[in-house]
Amino acid sequence: MPLSAAYRPDPLFQALGRDFADPVEAADFPRTILRYRNDRAAASVGLDGLADAEWLRHFGRFEPLPDNQPVPLAMRYHGHQFRAYNPDLGDGRGFLFAQLREAGSDRLLDLATKGSGQTPWSRSGDGRLTLKGGVREVLAASLLQALGVPSSMAFSLVETGEALTRGDEPSPTRSAVLTRLSHSHIRFGTFQRLAYFDRRDLISVLIDHVVETYYPRLTDAPDRPAALLEAVVAASARLLARWMAAGFVHGVLNTDNMVVTGESFDYGPWRFLPRNDPNFVAAYFDHSGLYSFGRQPEAVFWNLQQLAACLTLVGEQAGLLAALNGFSDAYRTALREAILDRLGVQPRGAYQDVDLVNAAFGALAEGGELLRWEPFFFDWFGGEASEARALSGPRAGLYENEAFRAFRARLADYAPDRPERLADPVFQRAEPEELIIDEVEALWAPIDQADDWEPLYAKLGRIEAARKAYGLGGSRGEKDAR
């Protein structure tokens, strides 16, 4: 295997032992057909030199990477699912495959799977992933990263040659195994499991591991549990703000789907808003709208409260409560920053920025059915510098209406941030890259019907061009189309 100097294995999680994970084997798939390979992500961990055959050995057959974990580990955790506690969770169709240091940042990253076979936590599941599910995750993570959302990276997608039966889509359907590159898979539910068994000793061990691995600046904090919770609150508030600015509905905000590093991952029934609608629901089974777009702030805070409850077993209540109480301010600040980033303008001050954010949401609401979420931010990216572009584009008539005057008046006071970005060819197009559900289905149809992957690869290429044009860096989840 050709090893780059950027390849630096560091499998730290395995040292926590059997109280945290179970050694497992990957499924023996009938076929391994490479469908997506993220070479830019691979370069960040020194694996871009792999030939396709070598890639398939590691990410289709899951041969161990050199000097890394000798066996895959199915991680143990519990969680609240739609507010009902489930003690029977855990990695049921995935595992932690390897851990590596990221070139440049030195951050520890995980390579973990979805659809890699049964584990002790599979219950009655087959441990598999549909190919369509894998394609949807590649798309979601790709656009989220382009829009500045901290996201895992879809690292590899391999079709596996099995026919799967599913109750919520036409069956039999094709199968796949996905590998993602992510900044930790330690969930809120990882702490919940230890609290469930009253393992205060192991909660302390896990706190130390998370602090020393992901938040080393907190190493000398006098109250580690409270300091850790404060950091997780801030990271989660930023993630939430970026979701809201992107018009993204995760769909299943259970405690096992939130990680301590504040990164978005595990994309199931996600949706991007077609228009401003706080009641928009992504999951067909979310009958009460618990995880609707407008209720995501409530859901994230509720999940943070569950994490805090676990930490009360080893930490002082006053410090943990103070950390929780910082959520609202952290979210409001992060949302201001996220909306200004989406509009491509420089901040002017808290009060003025709040007025602009409120005006932006008001304009989106007034636009109604005629104004889709993503085109609004695309049209006005750069603020007044894009006024001529917005007023000559497909939504020009809408922007001349009374409803947009307050927004335009406030936006006129803002200087563009890095206005040179507007010279990118992406901004010469009439429409932005978005992923409304009809387009997702249209991208899947040629794969399903004719094994034609070119529309998907072309879409991923356009999303990558948008990522570069927007320049909303600082988030995880970089993608390249093959």
Protein backbone atom coordinates (compact mmCIF):
# COMPACT_ATOMS: atom_id res chain seq x y z
CA MET A 1 0.00 0.00 0.00
CA PRO A 2 1.49 3.41 -0.99
CA LEU A 3 1.70 5.49 2.16
CA SER A 4 1.88 9.24 2.06
CA ALA A 5 3.63 11.30 4.71
CA ALA A 6 0.17 12.67 5.47
CA TYR A 7 -1.00 9.22 6.63
CA ARG A 8 -0.76 9.26 10.41
CA PRO A 9 -2.75 6.52 12.13
CA ASP A 10 -3.76 7.14 15.73
CA PRO A 11 -6.38 4.60 16.88
CA LEU A 12 -7.09 6.03 20.33
CA PHE A 13 -10.67 4.86 20.87
CA GLN A 14 -9.74 1.17 21.04
CA ALA A 15 -7.79 1.85 24.24
CA LEU A 16 -11.08 2.47 26.06
CA GLY A 17 -11.76 -1.25 25.84
CA ARG A 18 -14.78 -3.55 25.78
CA ASP A 19 -16.91 -1.31 27.97
CA PHE A 20 -17.25 1.03 24.99
CA ALA A 21 -17.24 -1.16 21.87
CA ASP A 22 -17.32 -4.71 20.54
CA PRO A 23 -14.91 -6.21 17.98
CA VAL A 24 -16.84 -7.26 14.87
CA GLU A 25 -16.29 -8.46 11.32
CA ALA A 26 -17.49 -6.79 8.15
CA ALA A 27 -20.01 -8.62 5.97
CA ASP A 28 -18.64 -10.69 3.10
CA PHE A 29 -20.34 -8.93 0.19
CA PRO A 30 -21.01 -10.72 -3.12
CA ARG A 31 -19.54 -7.78 -5.08
CA THR A 32 -17.62 -4.57 -4.49
CA ILE A 33 -18.18 -1.90 -7.15
CA LEU A 34 -16.69 1.51 -6.49
CA ARG A 35 -19.32 4.20 -7.03
CA TYR A 36 -17.88 7.22 -5.20
CA ARG A 37 -14.38 7.97 -4.04
CA ASN A 38 -13.58 11.24 -2.31
CA ASP A 39 -9.98 11.90 -3.26
CA ARG A 40 -9.84 15.32 -1.65
CA ALA A 41 -10.95 13.85 1.65
CA ALA A 42 -8.52 10.97 1.16
CA ALA A 43 -5.66 13.44 0.62
CA SER A 44 -6.41 15.04 3.99
CA VAL A 45 -5.54 11.74 5.70
CA GLY A 46 -2.87 10.47 3.32
CA LEU A 47 -4.94 7.83 1.50
CA ASP A 48 -5.27 9.47 -1.91
CA GLY A 49 -2.46 7.31 -3.32
CA LEU A 50 -4.54 4.13 -3.14
CA ALA A 51 -5.32 2.47 -6.44
CA ASP A 52 -8.98 1.56 -6.88
CA ALA A 53 -8.27 -2.12 -6.18
CA GLU A 54 -6.55 -1.20 -2.92
CA TRP A 55 -9.37 1.19 -2.08
CA LEU A 56 -11.88 -1.63 -2.44
CA ARG A 57 -9.84 -3.93 -0.22
CA HIS A 58 -10.01 -1.37 2.58
CA PHE A 59 -13.44 0.18 2.00
CA GLY A 60 -15.30 -2.75 0.45
CA ARG A 61 -13.67 -5.69 2.25
CA PHE A 62 -12.39 -3.65 5.21
CA GLU A 63 -8.90 -5.01 5.46
CA PRO A 64 -7.23 -3.04 8.27
CA LEU A 65 -5.24 0.03 7.35
CA PRO A 66 -1.53 -0.13 8.27
CA ASP A 67 -0.80 0.45 11.96
CA ASN A 68 -4.44 1.22 12.62
CA GLN A 69 -7.25 -0.68 14.36
CA PRO A 70 -6.69 -4.39 13.84
CA VAL A 71 -10.45 -5.08 13.87
CA PRO A 72 -13.58 -2.95 13.41
CA LEU A 73 -15.34 -1.79 16.58
CA ALA A 74 -19.12 -1.57 16.94
CA MET A 75 -19.61 1.31 19.36
CA ARG A 76 -21.94 0.98 22.33
CA TYR A 77 -24.52 3.67 23.08
CA HIS A 78 -28.14 4.26 24.04
CA GLY A 79 -30.39 7.17 23.16
CA HIS A 80 -33.73 8.91 23.16
CA GLN A 81 -35.61 8.26 19.93
CA PHE A 82 -38.45 10.74 19.50
CA ARG A 83 -38.13 11.40 23.25
CA ALA A 84 -38.53 7.70 24.19
CA TYR A 85 -35.47 6.14 25.82
CA ASN A 86 -34.09 3.09 24.01
CA PRO A 87 -31.51 0.95 25.86
CA ASP A 88 -31.14 -1.43 22.89
CA LEU A 89 -29.18 0.79 20.54
CA GLY A 90 -25.55 0.68 19.45
CA ASP A 91 -23.81 0.36 16.09
CA GLY A 92 -26.24 -2.04 14.44
CA ARG A 93 -25.10 -1.66 10.84
CA GLY A 94 -21.81 0.14 11.12
CA PHE A 95 -18.53 0.27 12.98
CA LEU A 96 -15.49 2.41 13.68
CA PHE A 97 -12.92 1.24 11.14
CA ALA A 98 -9.89 3.47 11.71
CA GLN A 99 -8.68 6.73 13.24
CA LEU A 100 -6.20 9.12 11.64
CA ARG A 101 -4.77 12.60 12.05
CA GLU A 102 -5.83 15.25 9.57
CA ALA A 103 -3.04 16.91 7.60
CA GLY A 104 -2.62 20.54 8.58
CA SER A 105 -4.98 20.64 11.56
CA ASP A 106 -3.71 17.53 13.42
CA ARG A 107 -7.30 16.78 14.43
CA LEU A 108 -8.24 13.18 15.07
CA LEU A 109 -10.70 11.89 12.47
CA ASP A 110 -12.72 8.68 12.31
CA LEU A 111 -13.36 6.42 9.36
CA ALA A 112 -16.65 4.71 10.15
CA THR A 113 -19.19 2.77 8.15
CA LYS A 114 -22.87 2.44 7.41
CA GLY A 115 -24.23 -0.78 5.93
CA SER A 116 -21.19 -2.95 6.75
CA GLY A 117 -23.09 -5.89 8.23
CA GLN A 118 -24.63 -7.17 11.43
CA THR A 119 -23.21 -6.56 14.88
CA PRO A 120 -24.31 -7.50 18.42
CA TRP A 121 -26.52 -4.38 18.28
CA SER A 122 -28.36 -5.15 15.04
CA ARG A 123 -31.42 -6.54 16.82
CA SER A 124 -33.65 -7.75 13.95
CA GLY A 125 -31.92 -5.61 11.30
CA ASP A 126 -29.89 -6.98 8.42
CA GLY A 127 -27.04 -4.51 8.94
CA ARG A 128 -27.22 -3.33 5.35
CA LEU A 129 -27.66 0.01 3.55
CA THR A 130 -29.59 0.64 0.37
CA LEU A 131 -27.64 2.10 -2.51
CA LYS A 132 -30.19 4.91 -2.69
CA GLY A 133 -29.58 5.67 0.97
CA GLY A 134 -25.86 5.90 0.29
CA VAL A 135 -26.39 8.22 -2.66
CA ARG A 136 -28.63 10.45 -0.55
CA GLU A 137 -25.95 10.71 2.16
CA VAL A 138 -23.28 11.65 -0.39
CA LEU A 139 -25.55 14.40 -1.72
CA ALA A 140 -26.62 15.77 1.66
CA ALA A 141 -23.13 15.96 3.12
CA SER A 142 -21.80 17.50 -0.09
CA LEU A 143 -24.25 20.40 -0.21
CA LEU A 144 -24.14 21.00 3.54
CA GLN A 145 -20.39 21.46 3.41
CA ALA A 146 -20.75 23.84 0.48
CA LEU A 147 -23.19 25.91 2.56
CA GLY A 148 -20.83 26.12 5.53
CA VAL A 149 -22.39 23.47 7.77
CA PRO A 150 -19.99 21.36 9.90
CA SER A 151 -20.56 17.95 8.34
CA SER A 152 -19.04 14.52 8.07
CA MET A 153 -17.57 13.65 4.68
CA ALA A 154 -18.91 10.92 2.46
CA PHE A 155 -15.56 9.20 1.93
CA SER A 156 -16.49 6.13 -0.09
CA LEU A 157 -19.56 4.45 -1.54
CA VAL A 158 -19.27 0.85 -2.73
CA GLU A 159 -22.14 -1.11 -4.26
CA THR A 160 -22.26 -4.59 -2.72
CA GLY A 161 -24.41 -6.74 -5.00
CA GLU A 162 -27.19 -7.74 -2.60
CA ALA A 163 -30.94 -7.33 -3.10
CA LEU A 164 -32.53 -5.73 -0.05
CA THR A 165 -36.14 -5.68 1.03
CA ARG A 166 -37.40 -2.48 2.62
CA GLY A 167 -40.89 -1.50 3.69
CA ASP A 168 -40.55 2.17 2.81
CA GLU A 169 -39.25 1.96 -0.77
CA PRO A 170 -39.67 -0.30 -3.81
CA SER A 171 -38.05 -3.67 -3.17
CA PRO A 172 -35.91 -5.55 -3.84
CA THR A 173 -33.43 -2.69 -4.05
CA ARG A 174 -29.67 -2.43 -4.51
CA SER A 175 -27.24 -2.43 -1.58
CA ALA A 176 -24.13 -0.48 -0.67
CA VAL A 177 -21.63 0.20 2.09
CA LEU A 178 -20.76 3.79 2.93
CA THR A 179 -17.63 5.00 4.70
CA ARG A 180 -17.64 8.48 6.23
CA LEU A 181 -14.79 10.60 7.55
CA SER A 182 -15.91 12.43 10.65
CA HIS A 183 -14.59 14.34 13.64
CA SER A 184 -15.68 11.81 16.33
CA HIS A 185 -18.56 9.35 16.61
CA ILE A 186 -18.91 9.77 20.38
CA ARG A 187 -22.58 10.48 20.78
CA PHE A 188 -24.65 12.01 23.53
CA GLY A 189 -26.02 8.48 23.74
CA THR A 190 -22.55 7.13 24.55
CA PHE A 191 -22.78 9.00 27.85
CA GLN A 192 -26.43 7.98 28.28
CA ARG A 193 -25.57 4.30 28.20
CA LEU A 194 -23.02 4.68 30.98
CA ALA A 195 -25.48 6.72 33.06
CA TYR A 196 -28.15 4.06 32.51
CA PHE A 197 -25.86 1.48 34.13
CA ASP A 198 -24.70 3.99 36.78
CA ARG A 199 -21.09 3.61 35.64
CA ARG A 200 -19.81 6.87 37.07
CA ASP A 201 -16.27 5.59 36.79
CA LEU A 202 -16.64 5.10 33.05
CA ILE A 203 -18.37 8.46 32.60
CA SER A 204 -15.26 10.04 34.11
CA VAL A 205 -13.06 7.98 31.80
CA LEU A 206 -15.10 9.11 28.78
CA ILE A 207 -15.01 12.76 29.85
CA ASP A 208 -11.23 12.58 30.11
CA HIS A 209 -10.99 10.92 26.70
CA VAL A 210 -13.21 13.53 25.01
CA VAL A 211 -11.46 16.47 26.65
CA GLU A 212 -7.95 15.25 25.95
CA THR A 213 -8.75 14.13 22.41
CA TYR A 214 -11.15 16.77 21.10
CA TYR A 215 -10.99 19.70 23.54
CA PRO A 216 -7.38 19.75 24.81
CA ARG A 217 -7.73 23.44 25.74
CA LEU A 218 -9.93 22.22 28.62
CA THR A 219 -7.33 19.86 30.05
CA ASP A 220 -6.60 22.09 33.05
CA ALA A 221 -10.22 23.14 33.68
CA PRO A 222 -11.02 22.83 37.40
CA ASP A 223 -14.49 21.41 36.61
CA ARG A 224 -14.07 19.16 33.59
CA PRO A 225 -17.71 18.02 33.29
CA ALA A 226 -19.01 21.61 33.21
CA ALA A 227 -16.22 22.78 30.92
CA LEU A 228 -16.93 19.93 28.52
CA LEU A 229 -20.67 20.62 28.52
CA GLU A 230 -20.04 24.31 27.83
CA ALA A 231 -17.89 23.37 24.84
CA VAL A 232 -20.47 20.89 23.51
CA VAL A 233 -23.24 23.47 23.97
CA ALA A 234 -21.28 25.99 21.90
CA ALA A 235 -20.46 23.45 19.17
CA SER A 236 -24.06 22.24 19.01
CA ALA A 237 -25.40 25.81 18.86
CA ARG A 238 -23.12 26.55 15.92
CA LEU A 239 -24.21 23.39 14.12
CA LEU A 240 -27.87 24.23 14.69
CA ALA A 241 -27.41 27.80 13.43
CA ARG A 242 -25.73 26.53 10.27
CA TRP A 243 -28.57 24.05 9.68
CA MET A 244 -31.12 26.81 10.04
CA ALA A 245 -29.23 29.17 7.73
CA ALA A 246 -28.97 26.38 5.14
CA GLY A 247 -32.70 25.61 5.38
CA PHE A 248 -31.82 22.04 6.34
CA VAL A 249 -34.09 19.64 8.21
CA HIS A 250 -32.14 16.72 9.67
CA GLY A 251 -35.29 14.73 10.31
CA VAL A 252 -34.18 12.45 13.16
CA LEU A 253 -32.63 14.54 15.93
CA ASN A 254 -32.38 11.72 18.44
CA THR A 255 -29.65 11.81 21.08
CA ASP A 256 -27.74 9.05 19.29
CA ASN A 257 -27.53 11.29 16.22
CA MET A 258 -25.66 14.11 17.95
CA VAL A 259 -21.94 13.95 18.67
CA VAL A 260 -19.80 15.80 21.19
CA THR A 261 -17.83 17.67 18.52
CA GLY A 262 -20.92 19.37 17.05
CA GLU A 263 -20.75 17.84 13.60
CA SER A 264 -23.68 16.81 11.44
CA PHE A 265 -23.71 13.15 10.38
CA ASP A 266 -25.91 10.16 9.55
CA TYR A 267 -28.27 11.51 6.92
CA GLY A 268 -31.49 9.52 6.73
CA PRO A 269 -34.81 11.21 5.83
CA TRP A 270 -33.28 14.68 5.47
CA ARG A 271 -34.76 17.50 3.42
CA PHE A 272 -33.78 20.99 2.35
CA LEU A 273 -36.58 23.52 2.59
CA PRO A 274 -38.30 24.28 -0.70
CA ARG A 275 -39.44 27.57 0.90
CA ASN A 276 -39.66 29.16 4.34
CA ASP A 277 -41.87 26.86 6.41
CA PRO A 278 -41.21 26.34 10.13
CA ASN A 279 -43.59 23.36 10.15
CA PHE A 280 -41.78 21.51 7.37
CA VAL A 281 -41.06 17.89 8.36
CA ALA A 282 -38.44 15.66 6.76
CA ALA A 283 -39.31 12.20 8.12
CA TYR A 284 -42.59 10.68 6.96
CA PHE A 285 -42.88 8.98 10.36
CA ASP A 286 -42.57 12.24 12.33
CA HIS A 287 -46.33 12.55 12.69
CA SER A 288 -46.24 15.15 15.47
CA GLY A 289 -43.66 17.38 13.79
CA LEU A 290 -41.27 16.95 16.73
CA TYR A 291 -38.24 17.47 14.47
CA SER A 292 -39.75 19.99 12.05
CA PHE A 293 -37.56 22.82 10.77
CA GLY A 294 -38.80 25.37 13.29
CA ARG A 295 -38.53 22.99 16.24
CA GLN A 296 -34.90 22.04 15.66
CA PRO A 297 -33.61 24.57 18.24
CA GLU A 298 -35.92 23.02 20.85
CA ALA A 299 -34.78 19.52 19.87
CA VAL A 300 -31.07 20.33 20.10
CA PHE A 301 -31.49 21.99 23.51
CA TRP A 302 -33.55 19.04 24.79
CA ASN A 303 -30.76 16.69 23.72
CA LEU A 304 -28.18 18.85 25.48
CA GLN A 305 -30.30 18.60 28.65
CA GLN A 306 -30.08 14.80 28.43
CA LEU A 307 -26.31 14.98 28.13
CA ALA A 308 -26.18 17.33 31.11
CA ALA A 309 -28.27 14.89 33.15
CA CYS A 310 -25.63 12.21 32.55
CA LEU A 311 -22.84 14.54 33.63
CA THR A 312 -24.60 15.35 36.93
CA LEU A 313 -23.50 11.89 38.10
CA VAL A 314 -19.90 13.12 38.23
CA GLY A 315 -20.11 16.93 38.12
CA GLU A 316 -21.46 19.84 40.12
CA GLN A 317 -25.00 20.80 39.19
CA ALA A 318 -24.38 24.56 39.33
CA GLY A 319 -21.62 24.49 36.72
CA LEU A 320 -23.61 22.21 34.42
CA LEU A 321 -26.69 24.42 34.71
CA ALA A 322 -24.63 27.50 33.88
CA ALA A 323 -23.28 25.73 30.79
CA LEU A 324 -26.81 24.84 29.66
CA ASN A 325 -28.02 28.36 30.27
CA GLY A 326 -25.47 29.61 27.76
CA PHE A 327 -27.23 27.85 24.89
CA SER A 328 -29.65 30.63 23.91
CA ASP A 329 -27.00 33.32 23.67
CA ALA A 330 -24.63 30.97 21.86
CA TYR A 331 -27.32 30.06 19.33
CA ARG A 332 -28.39 33.64 18.69
CA THR A 333 -24.78 34.70 18.13
CA ALA A 334 -24.11 31.71 15.86
CA LEU A 335 -27.28 32.34 13.86
CA ARG A 336 -26.31 35.97 13.22
CA GLU A 337 -22.90 34.84 12.01
CA ALA A 338 -24.41 32.09 9.84
CA ILE A 339 -26.94 34.36 8.12
CA LEU A 340 -24.31 37.02 7.44
CA ASP A 341 -22.08 34.32 5.97
CA ARG A 342 -24.93 33.13 3.76
CA LEU A 343 -25.51 36.70 2.59
CA GLY A 344 -21.79 37.26 2.06
CA VAL A 345 -21.61 40.52 4.00
CA GLN A 346 -19.45 41.88 6.79
CA PRO A 347 -20.89 42.26 10.31
CA ARG A 348 -21.67 45.77 11.57
CA GLY A 349 -22.55 45.14 15.22
CA ALA A 350 -24.93 42.98 17.23
CA TYR A 351 -27.99 45.26 17.06
CA GLN A 352 -27.70 46.04 13.37
CA ASP A 353 -26.98 42.41 12.55
CA VAL A 354 -30.05 41.22 14.46
CA ASP A 355 -32.19 43.66 12.46
CA LEU A 356 -30.76 42.32 9.21
CA VAL A 357 -31.32 38.71 10.23
CA ASN A 358 -34.92 39.46 11.22
CA ALA A 359 -35.49 41.29 7.95
CA ALA A 360 -34.08 38.33 6.01
CA PHE A 361 -36.42 35.88 7.72
CA GLY A 362 -39.29 38.30 7.22
CA ALA A 363 -38.55 38.54 3.51
CA LEU A 364 -38.38 34.75 3.22
CA ALA A 365 -41.73 34.46 4.96
CA GLU A 366 -43.34 37.13 2.77
CA GLY A 367 -42.01 35.48 -0.36
CA GLY A 368 -44.26 32.50 0.31
CA GLU A 369 -44.67 29.81 -2.33
CA LEU A 370 -42.88 31.89 -4.97
CA LEU A 371 -39.58 32.23 -3.13
CA ARG A 372 -37.50 29.14 -2.60
CA TRP A 373 -35.03 29.19 0.31
CA GLU A 374 -31.73 28.70 -1.48
CA PRO A 375 -32.28 31.14 -4.40
CA PHE A 376 -32.93 33.98 -1.92
CA PHE A 377 -29.43 33.69 -0.42
CA PHE A 378 -27.88 33.05 -3.83
CA ASP A 379 -29.47 36.14 -5.39
CA TRP A 380 -28.37 38.47 -2.59
CA PHE A 381 -24.93 37.00 -1.90
CA GLY A 382 -22.58 39.94 -1.47
CA GLY A 383 -25.38 42.28 -0.44
CA GLU A 384 -25.83 45.46 -2.47
CA ALA A 385 -23.03 44.31 -4.77
CA SER A 386 -25.51 41.73 -6.12
CA GLU A 387 -28.50 44.06 -6.39
CA ALA A 388 -28.29 44.38 -10.18
CA ARG A 389 -27.94 40.62 -10.49
CA ALA A 390 -30.92 39.97 -8.19
CA LEU A 391 -33.13 42.58 -9.90
CA SER A 392 -32.44 41.18 -13.36
CA GLY A 393 -32.81 37.52 -12.44
CA PRO A 394 -35.79 35.16 -12.41
CA ARG A 395 -37.13 36.57 -9.11
CA ALA A 396 -36.74 40.23 -10.00
CA GLY A 397 -40.46 41.02 -9.84
CA LEU A 398 -40.74 39.52 -6.39
CA TYR A 399 -37.86 41.58 -5.02
CA GLU A 400 -39.51 44.83 -6.17
CA ASN A 401 -42.48 44.17 -3.89
CA GLU A 402 -43.17 46.12 -0.71
CA ALA A 403 -42.37 43.04 1.40
CA PHE A 404 -38.69 43.20 0.43
CA ARG A 405 -38.12 46.89 1.00
CA ALA A 406 -37.23 46.53 4.68
CA PHE A 407 -34.75 43.77 3.88
CA ARG A 408 -33.17 45.66 0.99
CA ALA A 409 -32.92 48.85 3.02
CA ARG A 410 -31.02 47.11 5.80
CA LEU A 411 -28.86 45.13 3.40
CA ALA A 412 -27.79 48.33 1.66
CA ASP A 413 -25.87 49.35 4.79
CA TYR A 414 -23.65 46.26 4.65
CA ALA A 415 -20.32 45.98 2.87
CA PRO A 416 -19.72 42.77 0.92
CA ASP A 417 -17.32 40.28 2.43
CA ARG A 418 -14.65 39.31 -0.11
CA PRO A 419 -16.56 40.76 -3.08
CA GLU A 420 -14.09 39.14 -5.48
CA ARG A 421 -16.07 35.94 -4.95
CA LEU A 422 -18.85 37.36 -7.13
CA ALA A 423 -16.56 37.12 -10.17
CA ASP A 424 -16.79 33.34 -9.99
CA PRO A 425 -18.73 31.77 -12.91
CA VAL A 426 -21.11 30.23 -10.38
CA PHE A 427 -22.66 33.66 -9.85
CA GLN A 428 -23.25 34.12 -13.56
CA ARG A 429 -25.87 31.38 -13.42
CA ALA A 430 -29.56 32.13 -12.94
CA GLU A 431 -30.10 29.46 -10.33
CA PRO A 432 -28.08 28.08 -7.40
CA GLU A 433 -27.33 24.49 -6.59
CA GLU A 434 -30.01 23.12 -4.29
CA LEU A 435 -31.37 19.68 -3.39
CA ILE A 436 -35.13 19.81 -3.25
CA ILE A 437 -36.52 16.29 -2.98
CA ASP A 438 -37.77 16.17 -6.60
CA GLU A 439 -34.22 16.69 -7.85
CA VAL A 440 -32.88 14.00 -5.52
CA GLU A 441 -35.38 11.55 -6.99
CA ALA A 442 -34.47 12.69 -10.52
CA LEU A 443 -30.80 11.99 -9.82
CA TRP A 444 -31.60 8.52 -8.51
CA ALA A 445 -33.87 7.51 -11.40
CA PRO A 446 -31.15 7.02 -14.08
CA ILE A 447 -29.04 5.03 -11.61
CA ASP A 448 -31.98 2.83 -10.76
CA GLN A 449 -33.23 2.40 -14.30
CA ALA A 450 -30.10 2.39 -16.46
CA ASP A 451 -27.11 2.35 -14.09
CA ASP A 452 -26.33 5.82 -15.37
CA TRP A 453 -24.23 7.71 -12.79
CA GLU A 454 -23.28 10.70 -14.91
CA PRO A 455 -26.12 13.00 -13.72
CA LEU A 456 -25.09 12.36 -10.11
CA TYR A 457 -21.40 13.00 -10.78
CA ALA A 458 -22.27 16.15 -12.73
CA LYS A 459 -24.39 17.39 -9.82
CA LEU A 460 -21.59 16.72 -7.34
CA GLY A 461 -19.21 18.60 -9.61
CA ARG A 462 -21.54 21.62 -9.64
CA ILE A 463 -21.88 21.49 -5.85
CA GLU A 464 -18.11 21.44 -5.56
CA ALA A 465 -17.88 24.49 -7.80
CA ALA A 466 -20.43 26.23 -5.55
CA ARG A 467 -18.41 25.28 -2.46
CA LYS A 468 -15.36 26.96 -3.90
CA ALA A 469 -17.32 30.01 -5.03
CA TYR A 470 -19.04 30.58 -1.68
CA GLY A 471 -15.80 30.06 0.23
CA LEU A 472 -17.65 29.26 3.45
CA GLY A 473 -14.70 27.39 4.91
CA GLY A 474 -14.07 26.19 8.42
CA SER A 475 -16.56 23.33 8.27
CA ARG A 476 -16.07 19.60 7.93
CA GLY A 477 -17.34 17.54 5.08
CA GLU A 478 -15.34 18.40 1.99
CA LYS A 479 -16.38 16.47 -1.08
CA ASP A 480 -15.20 15.87 -4.57
CA ALA A 481 -17.21 14.19 -7.30
CA ARG A 482 -15.30 11.36 -8.88
